[in-house]
C-alpha atoms as a PDB file:
ATOM      1  CA  MET A   1     -12.227 -21.086   8.638  1.00  0.00           C
ATOM      2  CA  ASN A   2     -10.643 -23.439  11.348  1.00  0.00           C
ATOM      3  CA  LEU A   3      -8.037 -22.915  13.856  1.00  0.00           C
ATOM      4  CA  LYS A   4      -4.763 -23.665  12.353  1.00  0.00           C
ATOM      5  CA  GLU A   5      -6.426 -21.224   9.370  1.00  0.00           C
ATOM      6  CA  LEU A   6      -7.202 -18.557  11.861  1.00  0.00           C
ATOM      7  CA  SER A   7      -3.981 -18.944  13.531  1.00  0.00           C
ATOM      8  CA  LYS A   8      -1.993 -18.414  10.214  1.00  0.00           C
ATOM      9  CA  HIS A   9      -3.744 -15.644   9.322  1.00  0.00           C
ATOM     10  CA  LEU A  10      -3.081 -13.954  12.544  1.00  0.00           C
ATOM     11  CA  GLY A  11       0.433 -14.752  12.504  1.00  0.00           C
ATOM     12  CA  ILE A  12      -0.061 -16.112  16.466  1.00  0.00           C
ATOM     13  CA  SER A  13       0.110 -19.651  17.249  1.00  0.00           C
ATOM     14  CA  GLN A  14      -3.042 -22.125  17.559  1.00  0.00           C
ATOM     15  CA  THR A  15      -2.394 -21.889  21.395  1.00  0.00           C
ATOM     16  CA  THR A  16      -2.700 -18.207  21.908  1.00  0.00           C
ATOM     17  CA  VAL A  17      -5.537 -18.050  19.360  1.00  0.00           C
ATOM     18  CA  SER A  18      -7.599 -20.928  21.347  1.00  0.00           C
ATOM     19  CA  ARG A  19      -6.529 -19.175  24.829  1.00  0.00           C
ATOM     20  CA  ALA A  20      -7.536 -15.775  23.831  1.00  0.00           C
ATOM     21  CA  LEU A  21     -11.020 -16.582  22.821  1.00  0.00           C
ATOM     22  CA  ASN A  22     -11.582 -19.371  25.870  1.00  0.00           C
ATOM     23  CA  GLY A  23     -10.613 -16.061  28.176  1.00  0.00           C
ATOM     24  CA  TYR A  24      -7.155 -17.186  29.867  1.00  0.00           C
ATOM     25  CA  PRO A  25      -6.116 -14.201  31.592  1.00  0.00           C
ATOM     26  CA  GLU A  26      -2.210 -14.714  30.601  1.00  0.00           C
ATOM     27  CA  VAL A  27      -3.869 -13.159  27.285  1.00  0.00           C
ATOM     28  CA  SER A  28      -3.346  -9.998  26.627  1.00  0.00           C
ATOM     29  CA  GLU A  29      -6.719  -7.566  26.349  1.00  0.00           C
ATOM     30  CA  ALA A  30      -5.079  -6.265  22.842  1.00  0.00           C
ATOM     31  CA  THR A  31      -4.318  -9.496  21.824  1.00  0.00           C
ATOM     32  CA  ARG A  32      -7.707 -10.781  22.735  1.00  0.00           C
ATOM     33  CA  ALA A  33      -9.591  -8.151  20.839  1.00  0.00           C
ATOM     34  CA  ARG A  34      -7.407  -8.708  17.429  1.00  0.00           C
ATOM     35  CA  VAL A  35      -8.392 -12.535  17.667  1.00  0.00           C
ATOM     36  CA  ILE A  36     -11.600 -11.880  18.432  1.00  0.00           C
ATOM     37  CA  ALA A  37     -12.274  -9.689  15.813  1.00  0.00           C
ATOM     38  CA  ALA A  38     -10.426 -11.779  13.489  1.00  0.00           C
ATOM     39  CA  ALA A  39     -12.867 -14.604  14.486  1.00  0.00           C
ATOM     40  CA  ASN A  40     -15.774 -12.695  13.932  1.00  0.00           C
ATOM     41  CA  GLU A  41     -14.517 -11.585  10.496  1.00  0.00           C
ATOM     42  CA  HIS A  42     -14.030 -14.807   9.260  1.00  0.00           C
ATOM     43  CA  GLY A  43     -17.258 -16.182  10.791  1.00  0.00           C
ATOM     44  CA  TYR A  44     -15.231 -18.975  13.111  1.00  0.00           C
ATOM     45  CA  SER A  45     -16.698 -20.146  15.950  1.00  0.00           C
ATOM     46  CA  PRO A  46     -14.521 -22.801  18.294  1.00  0.00           C
ATOM     47  CA  ASN A  47     -16.627 -25.923  18.779  1.00  0.00           C
ATOM     48  CA  THR A  48     -17.681 -25.760  22.375  1.00  0.00           C
ATOM     49  CA  ARG A  49     -18.839 -29.522  22.359  1.00  0.00           C
ATOM     50  CA  ALA A  50     -15.030 -30.602  21.339  1.00  0.00           C
ATOM     51  CA  GLN A  51     -13.619 -27.958  23.726  1.00  0.00           C
ATOM     52  CA  GLY A  52     -15.709 -29.257  26.454  1.00  0.00           C
ATOM     53  CA  LEU A  53     -14.792 -32.870  25.651  1.00  0.00           C
ATOM     54  CA  ALA A  54     -11.157 -31.975  25.669  1.00  0.00           C
ATOM     55  CA  THR A  55     -10.763 -29.699  29.060  1.00  0.00           C
ATOM     56  CA  GLY A  56     -13.515 -31.105  30.844  1.00  0.00           C
ATOM     57  CA  HIS A  57     -15.289 -28.141  30.886  1.00  0.00           C
ATOM     58  CA  SER A  58     -18.826 -27.420  29.689  1.00  0.00           C
ATOM     59  CA  ARG A  59     -18.507 -23.745  28.054  1.00  0.00           C
ATOM     60  CA  CYS A  60     -21.697 -22.988  29.325  1.00  0.00           C
ATOM     61  CA  ILE A  61     -23.165 -20.349  31.877  1.00  0.00           C
ATOM     62  CA  GLY A  62     -26.405 -21.175  33.623  1.00  0.00           C
ATOM     63  CA  HIS A  63     -29.031 -18.971  34.611  1.00  0.00           C
ATOM     64  CA  VAL A  64     -31.811 -20.630  37.075  1.00  0.00           C
ATOM     65  CA  ILE A  65     -34.647 -18.679  37.925  1.00  0.00           C
ATOM     66  CA  SER A  66     -37.295 -20.320  40.213  1.00  0.00           C
ATOM     67  CA  GLU A  67     -41.298 -20.118  39.630  1.00  0.00           C
ATOM     68  CA  GLY A  68     -41.437 -17.119  42.070  1.00  0.00           C
ATOM     69  CA  ASP A  69     -39.142 -15.252  39.954  1.00  0.00           C
ATOM     70  CA  SER A  70     -40.935 -16.479  36.854  1.00  0.00           C
ATOM     71  CA  GLY A  71     -42.379 -13.091  35.872  1.00  0.00           C
ATOM     72  CA  GLU A  72     -38.703 -11.813  35.452  1.00  0.00           C
ATOM     73  CA  MET A  73     -38.250 -14.635  32.542  1.00  0.00           C
ATOM     74  CA  VAL A  74     -40.511 -12.111  30.278  1.00  0.00           C
ATOM     75  CA  ASN A  75     -39.563  -8.820  32.089  1.00  0.00           C
ATOM     76  CA  PRO A  76     -38.085  -6.639  29.496  1.00  0.00           C
ATOM     77  CA  ILE A  77     -35.160  -5.990  32.227  1.00  0.00           C
ATOM     78  CA  PHE A  78     -34.233  -9.405  32.734  1.00  0.00           C
ATOM     79  CA  GLY A  79     -34.046  -9.713  28.497  1.00  0.00           C
ATOM     80  CA  ASP A  80     -31.600  -6.727  28.758  1.00  0.00           C
ATOM     81  CA  PHE A  81     -29.876  -8.112  31.179  1.00  0.00           C
ATOM     82  CA  MET A  82     -29.412 -11.193  29.422  1.00  0.00           C
ATOM     83  CA  ALA A  83     -28.304  -9.621  26.019  1.00  0.00           C
ATOM     84  CA  GLY A  84     -25.312  -8.090  27.844  1.00  0.00           C
ATOM     85  CA  ALA A  85     -24.274 -11.105  29.565  1.00  0.00           C
ATOM     86  CA  GLY A  86     -24.981 -12.975  26.260  1.00  0.00           C
ATOM     87  CA  GLU A  87     -22.567 -10.577  24.124  1.00  0.00           C
ATOM     88  CA  THR A  88     -19.519 -10.948  27.170  1.00  0.00           C
ATOM     89  CA  TYR A  89     -20.023 -14.928  26.654  1.00  0.00           C
ATOM     90  CA  ALA A  90     -20.037 -14.855  23.394  1.00  0.00           C
ATOM     91  CA  ALA A  91     -16.653 -12.554  23.066  1.00  0.00           C
ATOM     92  CA  HIS A  92     -15.164 -15.509  25.477  1.00  0.00           C
ATOM     93  CA  GLY A  93     -16.635 -18.545  24.025  1.00  0.00           C
ATOM     94  CA  TYR A  94     -19.377 -19.578  26.239  1.00  0.00           C
ATOM     95  CA  ASP A  95     -22.961 -20.530  25.580  1.00  0.00           C
ATOM     96  CA  MET A  96     -25.889 -19.749  28.308  1.00  0.00           C
ATOM     97  CA  MET A  97     -28.403 -21.898  29.639  1.00  0.00           C
ATOM     98  CA  VAL A  98     -32.309 -20.906  31.124  1.00  0.00           C
ATOM     99  CA  THR A  99     -33.454 -23.201  33.336  1.00  0.00           C
ATOM    100  CA  ARG A 100     -36.833 -22.789  35.048  1.00  0.00           C
ATOM    101  CA  VAL A 101     -37.453 -24.553  38.246  1.00  0.00           C
ATOM    102  CA  GLY A 102     -40.239 -25.055  41.108  1.00  0.00           C
ATOM    103  CA  GLN A 103     -39.561 -22.583  44.077  1.00  0.00           C
ATOM    104  CA  GLY A 104     -37.378 -23.902  46.734  1.00  0.00           C
ATOM    105  CA  ASP A 105     -35.974 -26.387  44.116  1.00  0.00           C
ATOM    106  CA  GLU A 106     -32.845 -24.249  43.070  1.00  0.00           C
ATOM    107  CA  ALA A 107     -30.024 -26.210  45.353  1.00  0.00           C
ATOM    108  CA  ASP A 108     -31.345 -29.421  44.117  1.00  0.00           C
ATOM    109  CA  ILE A 109     -30.969 -28.150  40.123  1.00  0.00           C
ATOM    110  CA  TYR A 110     -27.685 -26.579  41.423  1.00  0.00           C
ATOM    111  CA  ARG A 111     -26.250 -30.086  42.303  1.00  0.00           C
ATOM    112  CA  ARG A 112     -27.628 -31.836  39.446  1.00  0.00           C
ATOM    113  CA  LEU A 113     -25.982 -28.863  37.078  1.00  0.00           C
ATOM    114  CA  LYS A 114     -22.921 -29.949  39.164  1.00  0.00           C
ATOM    115  CA  ALA A 115     -22.988 -33.387  38.897  1.00  0.00           C
ATOM    116  CA  ARG A 116     -23.360 -33.522  34.966  1.00  0.00           C
ATOM    117  CA  GLY A 117     -20.592 -30.743  34.645  1.00  0.00           C
ATOM    118  CA  ALA A 118     -23.029 -28.890  32.872  1.00  0.00           C
ATOM    119  CA  VAL A 119     -22.164 -25.521  33.452  1.00  0.00           C
ATOM    120  CA  ASP A 120     -18.840 -23.914  34.537  1.00  0.00           C
ATOM    121  CA  GLY A 121     -20.571 -21.150  36.390  1.00  0.00           C
ATOM    122  CA  LEU A 122     -23.734 -19.775  37.135  1.00  0.00           C
ATOM    123  CA  VAL A 123     -25.110 -16.251  38.167  1.00  0.00           C
ATOM    124  CA  MET A 124     -27.696 -15.767  40.918  1.00  0.00           C
ATOM    125  CA  HIS A 125     -30.915 -13.864  39.893  1.00  0.00           C
ATOM    126  CA  ALA A 126     -33.503 -11.976  42.200  1.00  0.00           C
ATOM    127  CA  PRO A 127     -31.422 -12.595  45.981  1.00  0.00           C
ATOM    128  CA  ARG A 128     -33.559 -12.575  49.152  1.00  0.00           C
ATOM    129  CA  PHE A 129     -32.839 -11.232  52.360  1.00  0.00           C
ATOM    130  CA  ASP A 130     -30.099 -13.859  54.262  1.00  0.00           C
ATOM    131  CA  ASP A 131     -30.584 -16.105  50.890  1.00  0.00           C
ATOM    132  CA  SER A 132     -30.593 -19.895  51.681  1.00  0.00           C
ATOM    133  CA  ARG A 133     -28.576 -20.921  47.892  1.00  0.00           C
ATOM    134  CA  LEU A 134     -25.719 -18.717  49.047  1.00  0.00           C
ATOM    135  CA  PRO A 135     -24.013 -21.442  51.570  1.00  0.00           C
ATOM    136  CA  VAL A 136     -25.913 -24.386  48.640  1.00  0.00           C
ATOM    137  CA  LEU A 137     -23.505 -23.206  45.839  1.00  0.00           C
ATOM    138  CA  THR A 138     -20.481 -22.252  48.101  1.00  0.00           C
ATOM    139  CA  GLU A 139     -20.446 -26.059  49.258  1.00  0.00           C
ATOM    140  CA  LEU A 140     -20.693 -27.005  45.533  1.00  0.00           C
ATOM    141  CA  GLY A 141     -17.666 -24.912  44.816  1.00  0.00           C
ATOM    142  CA  LEU A 142     -19.529 -23.844  41.598  1.00  0.00           C
ATOM    143  CA  PRO A 143     -18.143 -20.614  40.046  1.00  0.00           C
ATOM    144  CA  PHE A 144     -21.224 -18.050  40.467  1.00  0.00           C
ATOM    145  CA  VAL A 145     -21.630 -14.232  40.772  1.00  0.00           C
ATOM    146  CA  VAL A 146     -25.003 -12.618  42.148  1.00  0.00           C
ATOM    147  CA  HIS A 147     -26.967  -9.697  40.170  1.00  0.00           C
ATOM    148  CA  GLY A 148     -27.803  -7.896  43.558  1.00  0.00           C
ATOM    149  CA  ARG A 149     -26.578  -8.705  47.043  1.00  0.00           C
ATOM    150  CA  SER A 150     -28.223 -10.422  50.114  1.00  0.00           C
ATOM    151  CA  SER A 151     -28.769  -8.436  53.472  1.00  0.00           C
ATOM    152  CA  GLY A 152     -27.704 -10.455  56.516  1.00  0.00           C
ATOM    153  CA  ALA A 153     -26.058 -13.219  54.452  1.00  0.00           C
ATOM    154  CA  SER A 154     -22.790 -14.479  56.214  1.00  0.00           C
ATOM    155  CA  THR A 155     -21.363 -16.638  53.116  1.00  0.00           C
ATOM    156  CA  PRO A 156     -18.731 -14.492  51.227  1.00  0.00           C
ATOM    157  CA  TYR A 157     -19.705 -14.079  47.651  1.00  0.00           C
ATOM    158  CA  SER A 158     -19.166 -11.711  44.124  1.00  0.00           C
ATOM    159  CA  TYR A 159     -21.922  -9.010  43.415  1.00  0.00           C
ATOM    160  CA  LEU A 160     -22.954  -6.329  41.000  1.00  0.00           C
ATOM    161  CA  ASP A 161     -25.288  -3.828  42.092  1.00  0.00           C
ATOM    162  CA  VAL A 162     -26.744  -0.718  42.479  1.00  0.00           C
ATOM    163  CA  ASN A 163     -26.963   0.982  45.500  1.00  0.00           C
ATOM    164  CA  ASN A 164     -30.818   1.086  45.619  1.00  0.00           C
ATOM    165  CA  ARG A 165     -30.820   2.552  48.949  1.00  0.00           C
ATOM    166  CA  SER A 166     -29.000   6.054  48.588  1.00  0.00           C
ATOM    167  CA  ALA A 167     -31.248   6.005  44.903  1.00  0.00           C
ATOM    168  CA  PHE A 168     -34.593   6.122  46.497  1.00  0.00           C
ATOM    169  CA  HIS A 169     -32.819   8.181  49.204  1.00  0.00           C
ATOM    170  CA  GLU A 170     -32.158  11.238  46.710  1.00  0.00           C
ATOM    171  CA  ALA A 171     -35.269  10.566  44.846  1.00  0.00           C
ATOM    172  CA  THR A 172     -37.428  10.779  47.574  1.00  0.00           C
ATOM    173  CA  GLN A 173     -35.147  14.222  48.743  1.00  0.00           C
ATOM    174  CA  HIS A 174     -35.686  15.685  45.304  1.00  0.00           C
ATOM    175  CA  LEU A 175     -39.516  15.437  45.879  1.00  0.00           C
ATOM    176  CA  THR A 176     -39.534  16.705  49.536  1.00  0.00           C
ATOM    177  CA  SER A 177     -37.544  19.708  48.288  1.00  0.00           C
ATOM    178  CA  LEU A 178     -40.009  20.541  45.597  1.00  0.00           C
ATOM    179  CA  GLY A 179     -42.572  20.797  48.712  1.00  0.00           C
ATOM    180  CA  HIS A 180     -44.755  17.284  48.094  1.00  0.00           C
ATOM    181  CA  ARG A 181     -45.517  15.856  51.832  1.00  0.00           C
ATOM    182  CA  ARG A 182     -47.678  12.746  50.594  1.00  0.00           C
ATOM    183  CA  ILE A 183     -45.565  11.174  48.728  1.00  0.00           C
ATOM    184  CA  ALA A 184     -46.852   7.457  47.753  1.00  0.00           C
ATOM    185  CA  LEU A 185     -44.344   4.253  47.129  1.00  0.00           C
ATOM    186  CA  LEU A 186     -45.151   1.864  44.499  1.00  0.00           C
ATOM    187  CA  ASN A 187     -41.978  -0.832  45.260  1.00  0.00           C
ATOM    188  CA  GLY A 188     -41.119  -3.929  43.891  1.00  0.00           C
ATOM    189  CA  GLN A 189     -41.807  -7.066  45.846  1.00  0.00           C
ATOM    190  CA  GLU A 190     -40.356  -6.753  49.243  1.00  0.00           C
ATOM    191  CA  GLN A 191     -39.208 -10.333  50.047  1.00  0.00           C
ATOM    192  CA  LEU A 192     -36.334  -9.687  47.305  1.00  0.00           C
ATOM    193  CA  ASP A 193     -33.201  -7.468  48.260  1.00  0.00           C
ATOM    194  CA  PHE A 194     -33.256  -4.503  46.140  1.00  0.00           C
ATOM    195  CA  ALA A 195     -36.804  -3.473  47.115  1.00  0.00           C
ATOM    196  CA  ILE A 196     -36.231  -3.943  50.775  1.00  0.00           C
ATOM    197  CA  ARG A 197     -33.295  -1.084  50.549  1.00  0.00           C
ATOM    198  CA  ARG A 198     -35.075   1.209  48.093  1.00  0.00           C
ATOM    199  CA  ARG A 199     -37.849   1.269  51.158  1.00  0.00           C
ATOM    200  CA  GLN A 200     -35.401   1.875  53.656  1.00  0.00           C
ATOM    201  CA  GLY A 201     -34.196   4.958  51.124  1.00  0.00           C
ATOM    202  CA  TYR A 202     -37.559   5.810  51.258  1.00  0.00           C
ATOM    203  CA  GLU A 203     -38.544   5.609  54.897  1.00  0.00           C
ATOM    204  CA  GLN A 204     -34.874   7.753  55.490  1.00  0.00           C
ATOM    205  CA  ALA A 205     -35.390  10.508  53.219  1.00  0.00           C
ATOM    206  CA  MET A 206     -39.207  10.825  54.699  1.00  0.00           C
ATOM    207  CA  GLU A 207     -38.175  10.950  58.210  1.00  0.00           C
ATOM    208  CA  GLU A 208     -35.297  13.079  57.660  1.00  0.00           C
ATOM    209  CA  ALA A 209     -38.200  15.834  56.127  1.00  0.00           C
ATOM    210  CA  GLY A 210     -39.810  15.437  59.113  1.00  0.00           C
ATOM    211  CA  LEU A 211     -43.020  13.397  57.364  1.00  0.00           C
ATOM    212  CA  PRO A 212     -44.644  10.556  58.517  1.00  0.00           C
ATOM    213  CA  VAL A 213     -44.484   7.301  56.820  1.00  0.00           C
ATOM    214  CA  ASP A 214     -48.118   6.324  55.816  1.00  0.00           C
ATOM    215  CA  PRO A 215     -48.371   2.578  54.669  1.00  0.00           C
ATOM    216  CA  THR A 216     -51.878   3.579  52.940  1.00  0.00           C
ATOM    217  CA  VAL A 217     -49.672   5.119  50.367  1.00  0.00           C
ATOM    218  CA  MET A 218     -46.964   1.979  50.213  1.00  0.00           C
ATOM    219  CA  THR A 219     -47.056  -0.730  48.105  1.00  0.00           C
ATOM    220  CA  GLN A 220     -45.537  -3.499  46.991  1.00  0.00           C
ATOM    221  CA  GLY A 221     -45.366  -5.898  44.118  1.00  0.00           C
ATOM    222  CA  GLU A 222     -44.299  -7.455  40.803  1.00  0.00           C
ATOM    223  CA  MET A 223     -43.548  -4.372  38.899  1.00  0.00           C
ATOM    224  CA  THR A 224     -45.886  -4.347  35.733  1.00  0.00           C
ATOM    225  CA  GLU A 225     -47.520  -1.439  34.161  1.00  0.00           C
ATOM    226  CA  ASP A 226     -50.883  -2.352  35.201  1.00  0.00           C
ATOM    227  CA  TYR A 227     -49.679  -2.874  38.789  1.00  0.00           C
ATOM    228  CA  GLY A 228     -48.848   1.006  38.324  1.00  0.00           C
ATOM    229  CA  TYR A 229     -51.977   1.402  36.850  1.00  0.00           C
ATOM    230  CA  GLN A 230     -54.279  -0.183  39.725  1.00  0.00           C
ATOM    231  CA  ASN A 231     -52.459   1.370  42.607  1.00  0.00           C
ATOM    232  CA  ALA A 232     -51.931   4.720  41.490  1.00  0.00           C
ATOM    233  CA  MET A 233     -56.188   4.505  40.649  1.00  0.00           C
ATOM    234  CA  THR A 234     -56.917   3.552  44.499  1.00  0.00           C
ATOM    235  CA  MET A 235     -54.533   6.217  45.893  1.00  0.00           C
ATOM    236  CA  LEU A 236     -55.830   8.646  43.707  1.00  0.00           C
ATOM    237  CA  ASP A 237     -59.624   8.001  44.688  1.00  0.00           C
ATOM    238  CA  MET A 238     -58.582   8.643  48.900  1.00  0.00           C
ATOM    239  CA  PRO A 239     -59.429  11.919  50.464  1.00  0.00           C
ATOM    240  CA  ASP A 240     -56.174  12.708  51.123  1.00  0.00           C
ATOM    241  CA  PRO A 241     -54.350  11.132  47.503  1.00  0.00           C
ATOM    242  CA  PRO A 242     -50.819  11.540  47.090  1.00  0.00           C
ATOM    243  CA  THR A 243     -49.344  14.751  45.110  1.00  0.00           C
ATOM    244  CA  ALA A 244     -46.062  12.613  43.921  1.00  0.00           C
ATOM    245  CA  PHE A 245     -45.552   9.090  43.479  1.00  0.00           C
ATOM    246  CA  LEU A 246     -41.703   7.262  43.788  1.00  0.00           C
ATOM    247  CA  VAL A 247     -42.155   3.847  41.437  1.00  0.00           C
ATOM    248  CA  SER A 248     -39.763   1.063  41.730  1.00  0.00           C
ATOM    249  CA  SER A 249     -39.510   0.766  37.816  1.00  0.00           C
ATOM    250  CA  ILE A 250     -40.505   2.967  34.528  1.00  0.00           C
ATOM    251  CA  ILE A 251     -42.868  -0.104  33.486  1.00  0.00           C
ATOM    252  CA  CYS A 252     -45.091   1.028  36.457  1.00  0.00           C
ATOM    253  CA  ALA A 253     -44.585   4.472  35.908  1.00  0.00           C
ATOM    254  CA  ALA A 254     -46.368   4.412  32.551  1.00  0.00           C
ATOM    255  CA  GLY A 255     -48.936   2.424  34.718  1.00  0.00           C
ATOM    256  CA  VAL A 256     -49.223   5.640  37.119  1.00  0.00           C
ATOM    257  CA  ARG A 257     -49.010   7.962  34.150  1.00  0.00           C
ATOM    258  CA  ARG A 258     -51.828   6.168  32.458  1.00  0.00           C
ATOM    259  CA  ALA A 259     -54.189   6.471  35.234  1.00  0.00           C
ATOM    260  CA  LEU A 260     -53.269   9.907  35.730  1.00  0.00           C
ATOM    261  CA  ASP A 261     -54.552  10.518  32.204  1.00  0.00           C
ATOM    262  CA  ASP A 262     -57.725   9.004  33.238  1.00  0.00           C
ATOM    263  CA  ARG A 263     -58.348  11.478  36.057  1.00  0.00           C
ATOM    264  CA  ASN A 264     -57.297  14.109  33.637  1.00  0.00           C
ATOM    265  CA  LEU A 265     -54.113  15.026  35.748  1.00  0.00           C
ATOM    266  CA  ARG A 266     -50.526  16.201  34.286  1.00  0.00           C
ATOM    267  CA  PRO A 267     -47.612  14.514  35.459  1.00  0.00           C
ATOM    268  CA  GLY A 268     -45.100  17.055  37.030  1.00  0.00           C
ATOM    269  CA  GLU A 269     -47.767  20.101  37.060  1.00  0.00           C
ATOM    270  CA  ASP A 270     -50.832  18.097  39.028  1.00  0.00           C
ATOM    271  CA  VAL A 271     -49.158  14.848  40.287  1.00  0.00           C
ATOM    272  CA  SER A 272     -45.483  13.932  40.137  1.00  0.00           C
ATOM    273  CA  ILE A 273     -43.531  11.179  39.124  1.00  0.00           C
ATOM    274  CA  ALA A 274     -40.411   9.396  40.094  1.00  0.00           C
ATOM    275  CA  THR A 275     -38.980   6.649  38.923  1.00  0.00           C
ATOM    276  CA  PHE A 276     -36.402   3.622  38.427  1.00  0.00           C
ATOM    277  CA  ASP A 277     -35.010   3.494  34.747  1.00  0.00           C
ATOM    278  CA  ASP A 278     -33.288   0.421  34.128  1.00  0.00           C
ATOM    279  CA  CYS A 279     -32.323   2.240  30.521  1.00  0.00           C
ATOM    280  CA  LEU A 280     -34.194  -0.569  28.667  1.00  0.00           C
ATOM    281  CA  SER A 281     -33.043  -0.816  24.933  1.00  0.00           C
ATOM    282  CA  TYR A 282     -36.911  -1.062  23.621  1.00  0.00           C
ATOM    283  CA  PHE A 283     -38.427   1.818  26.485  1.00  0.00           C
ATOM    284  CA  ARG A 284     -36.202   4.596  26.612  1.00  0.00           C
ATOM    285  CA  ASN A 285     -36.366   7.429  28.786  1.00  0.00           C
ATOM    286  CA  SER A 286     -36.205   9.936  25.710  1.00  0.00           C
ATOM    287  CA  ALA A 287     -32.372  11.503  26.293  1.00  0.00           C
ATOM    288  CA  ALA A 288     -33.358  14.731  24.776  1.00  0.00           C
ATOM    289  CA  GLN A 289     -36.183  15.517  26.822  1.00  0.00           C
ATOM    290  CA  PRO A 290     -36.599  12.656  29.919  1.00  0.00           C
ATOM    291  CA  VAL A 291     -40.349  11.913  30.051  1.00  0.00           C
ATOM    292  CA  PHE A 292     -39.598  10.905  33.377  1.00  0.00           C
ATOM    293  CA  THR A 293     -37.687  11.746  36.237  1.00  0.00           C
ATOM    294  CA  ALA A 294     -35.523   8.840  37.411  1.00  0.00           C
ATOM    295  CA  MET A 295     -32.610   7.015  39.005  1.00  0.00           C
ATOM    296  CA  GLN A 296     -31.109   5.649  35.978  1.00  0.00           C
ATOM    297  CA  SER A 297     -28.857   2.427  35.972  1.00  0.00           C
ATOM    298  CA  SER A 298     -28.238   0.700  32.766  1.00  0.00           C
ATOM    299  CA  VAL A 299     -29.003  -3.003  33.357  1.00  0.00           C
ATOM    300  CA  ARG A 300     -28.063  -4.417  30.346  1.00  0.00           C
ATOM    301  CA  ALA A 301     -24.356  -3.307  31.043  1.00  0.00           C
ATOM    302  CA  ALA A 302     -24.735  -4.722  34.553  1.00  0.00           C
ATOM    303  CA  GLY A 303     -25.011  -7.688  32.312  1.00  0.00           C
ATOM    304  CA  ALA A 304     -22.136  -7.717  30.887  1.00  0.00           C
ATOM    305  CA  THR A 305     -20.244  -6.448  33.568  1.00  0.00           C
ATOM    306  CA  LEU A 306     -21.611  -9.668  35.829  1.00  0.00           C
ATOM    307  CA  ALA A 307     -20.399 -11.857  33.098  1.00  0.00           C
ATOM    308  CA  ARG A 308     -16.902 -10.873  32.678  1.00  0.00           C
ATOM    309  CA  MET A 309     -16.691 -10.918  36.475  1.00  0.00           C
ATOM    310  CA  LEU A 310     -18.226 -15.087  36.527  1.00  0.00           C
ATOM    311  CA  VAL A 311     -15.767 -15.492  33.368  1.00  0.00           C
ATOM    312  CA  ASP A 312     -12.672 -14.308  35.586  1.00  0.00           C
ATOM    313  CA  ARG A 313     -14.012 -15.962  38.641  1.00  0.00           C
ATOM    314  CA  ILE A 314     -14.226 -19.183  36.579  1.00  0.00           C
ATOM    315  CA  ASN A 315     -10.322 -18.933  35.386  1.00  0.00           C
ATOM    316  CA  ASP A 316      -9.335 -18.089  39.037  1.00  0.00           C
ATOM    317  CA  PRO A 317     -11.779 -19.788  41.678  1.00  0.00           C
ATOM    318  CA  THR A 318      -9.788 -19.009  44.435  1.00  0.00           C
ATOM    319  CA  ALA A 319      -9.403 -15.205  43.655  1.00  0.00           C
ATOM    320  CA  PRO A 320     -11.095 -12.443  46.205  1.00  0.00           C
ATOM    321  CA  HIS A 321     -14.482 -11.937  45.923  1.00  0.00           C
ATOM    322  CA  THR A 322     -15.264  -8.863  43.898  1.00  0.00           C
ATOM    323  CA  HIS A 323     -17.874  -6.111  45.450  1.00  0.00           C
ATOM    324  CA  THR A 324     -19.218  -4.029  42.815  1.00  0.00           C
ATOM    325  CA  LEU A 325     -21.355  -1.178  43.842  1.00  0.00           C
ATOM    326  CA  TRP A 326     -23.171   1.225  41.096  1.00  0.00           C
ATOM    327  CA  GLU A 327     -24.485   4.286  41.746  1.00  0.00           C
ATOM    328  CA  ALA A 328     -27.685   5.203  39.929  1.00  0.00           C
ATOM    329  CA  GLU A 329     -27.423   8.811  38.191  1.00  0.00           C
ATOM    330  CA  PHE A 330     -30.487  11.298  38.832  1.00  0.00           C
ATOM    331  CA  VAL A 331     -32.218  12.508  35.754  1.00  0.00           C
ATOM    332  CA  ALA A 332     -34.216  15.503  36.002  1.00  0.00           C
ATOM    333  CA  GLY A 333     -37.698  14.993  33.601  1.00  0.00           C
ATOM    334  CA  ALA A 334     -40.828  16.296  32.909  1.00  0.00           C
ATOM    335  CA  SER A 335     -42.537  14.328  35.541  1.00  0.00           C
ATOM    336  CA  THR A 336     -41.945  16.123  38.478  1.00  0.00           C
ATOM    337  CA  GLY A 337     -42.425  19.598  39.808  1.00  0.00           C
ATOM    338  CA  PRO A 338     -43.440  21.723  42.427  1.00  0.00           C
ATOM    339  CA  ILE A 339     -46.678  20.858  44.415  1.00  0.00           C
ATOM    340  CA  LYS A 340     -49.682  22.470  43.524  1.00  0.00           C
ATOM    341  CA  ASP A 341     -51.152  25.314  45.591  1.00  0.00           C
END
């Protein structure tokens, strides 16, 4: 089915059908939903290459990942984010491009993408403290949004983030309320803004409880299962081991749980584990009886929402910047319990 036939089937002008599929804001959401449903039902897919030649737009969204963050590309968290974003792009007639570049080379690739007209907009990933990419993207005039925030940055930008400081403050308070005083922090890489905020939330709650912040039970690193396992094993062998672990990813938390198994310790009884959970599609924290006590926020939903924010920004680049901050949901699971006497 071509555009003319789809238009005739719907009883809507070809211009309206095209604008609905391309995300123009003047088309009502009811009409857009009707057009998209009919296009999916009849297998209609607009020729994005032809559209680009006709309109000067590529109909493509760019995601640039540096070598320093290259682990993100094989991380299931990134996969879920891209799945959510991809659904939104497809609904608005956009393709997506993922580019891997050398660390520190992002500015050059941004300029090349802009010069070639290869993308209509960009999502910036893994923001760092006072991130130097922000002024570069702003100067280029290429619409962009940020997954996360950059503390210390003065350049205005649109973002979607989770309140990581609040999440780890609440999780630490939960552990201290159970009587835990020796609480380990297994954090993400602390050059990244989300990990900085999580450490701040943990430290604040520890200080409020009158507990020392002990660097010997605080680590940072790439959030893998082995990272959780190796650091938990090391800390459990300390003369004064932690009675609880606060972990930055459910993937790392699985490694901590494996370490407890190796030491014949029971999660939630002998040692507690609290974690951040991105609600991964293929690694769910069982809804009926959650395995882990967790601060939850869906990264797939974040991908879909941020993609829509970017489409809106492409349609209206001069609109005020959008700042979206989600609060994580506390979910009580079997992995935490009162400190053992």
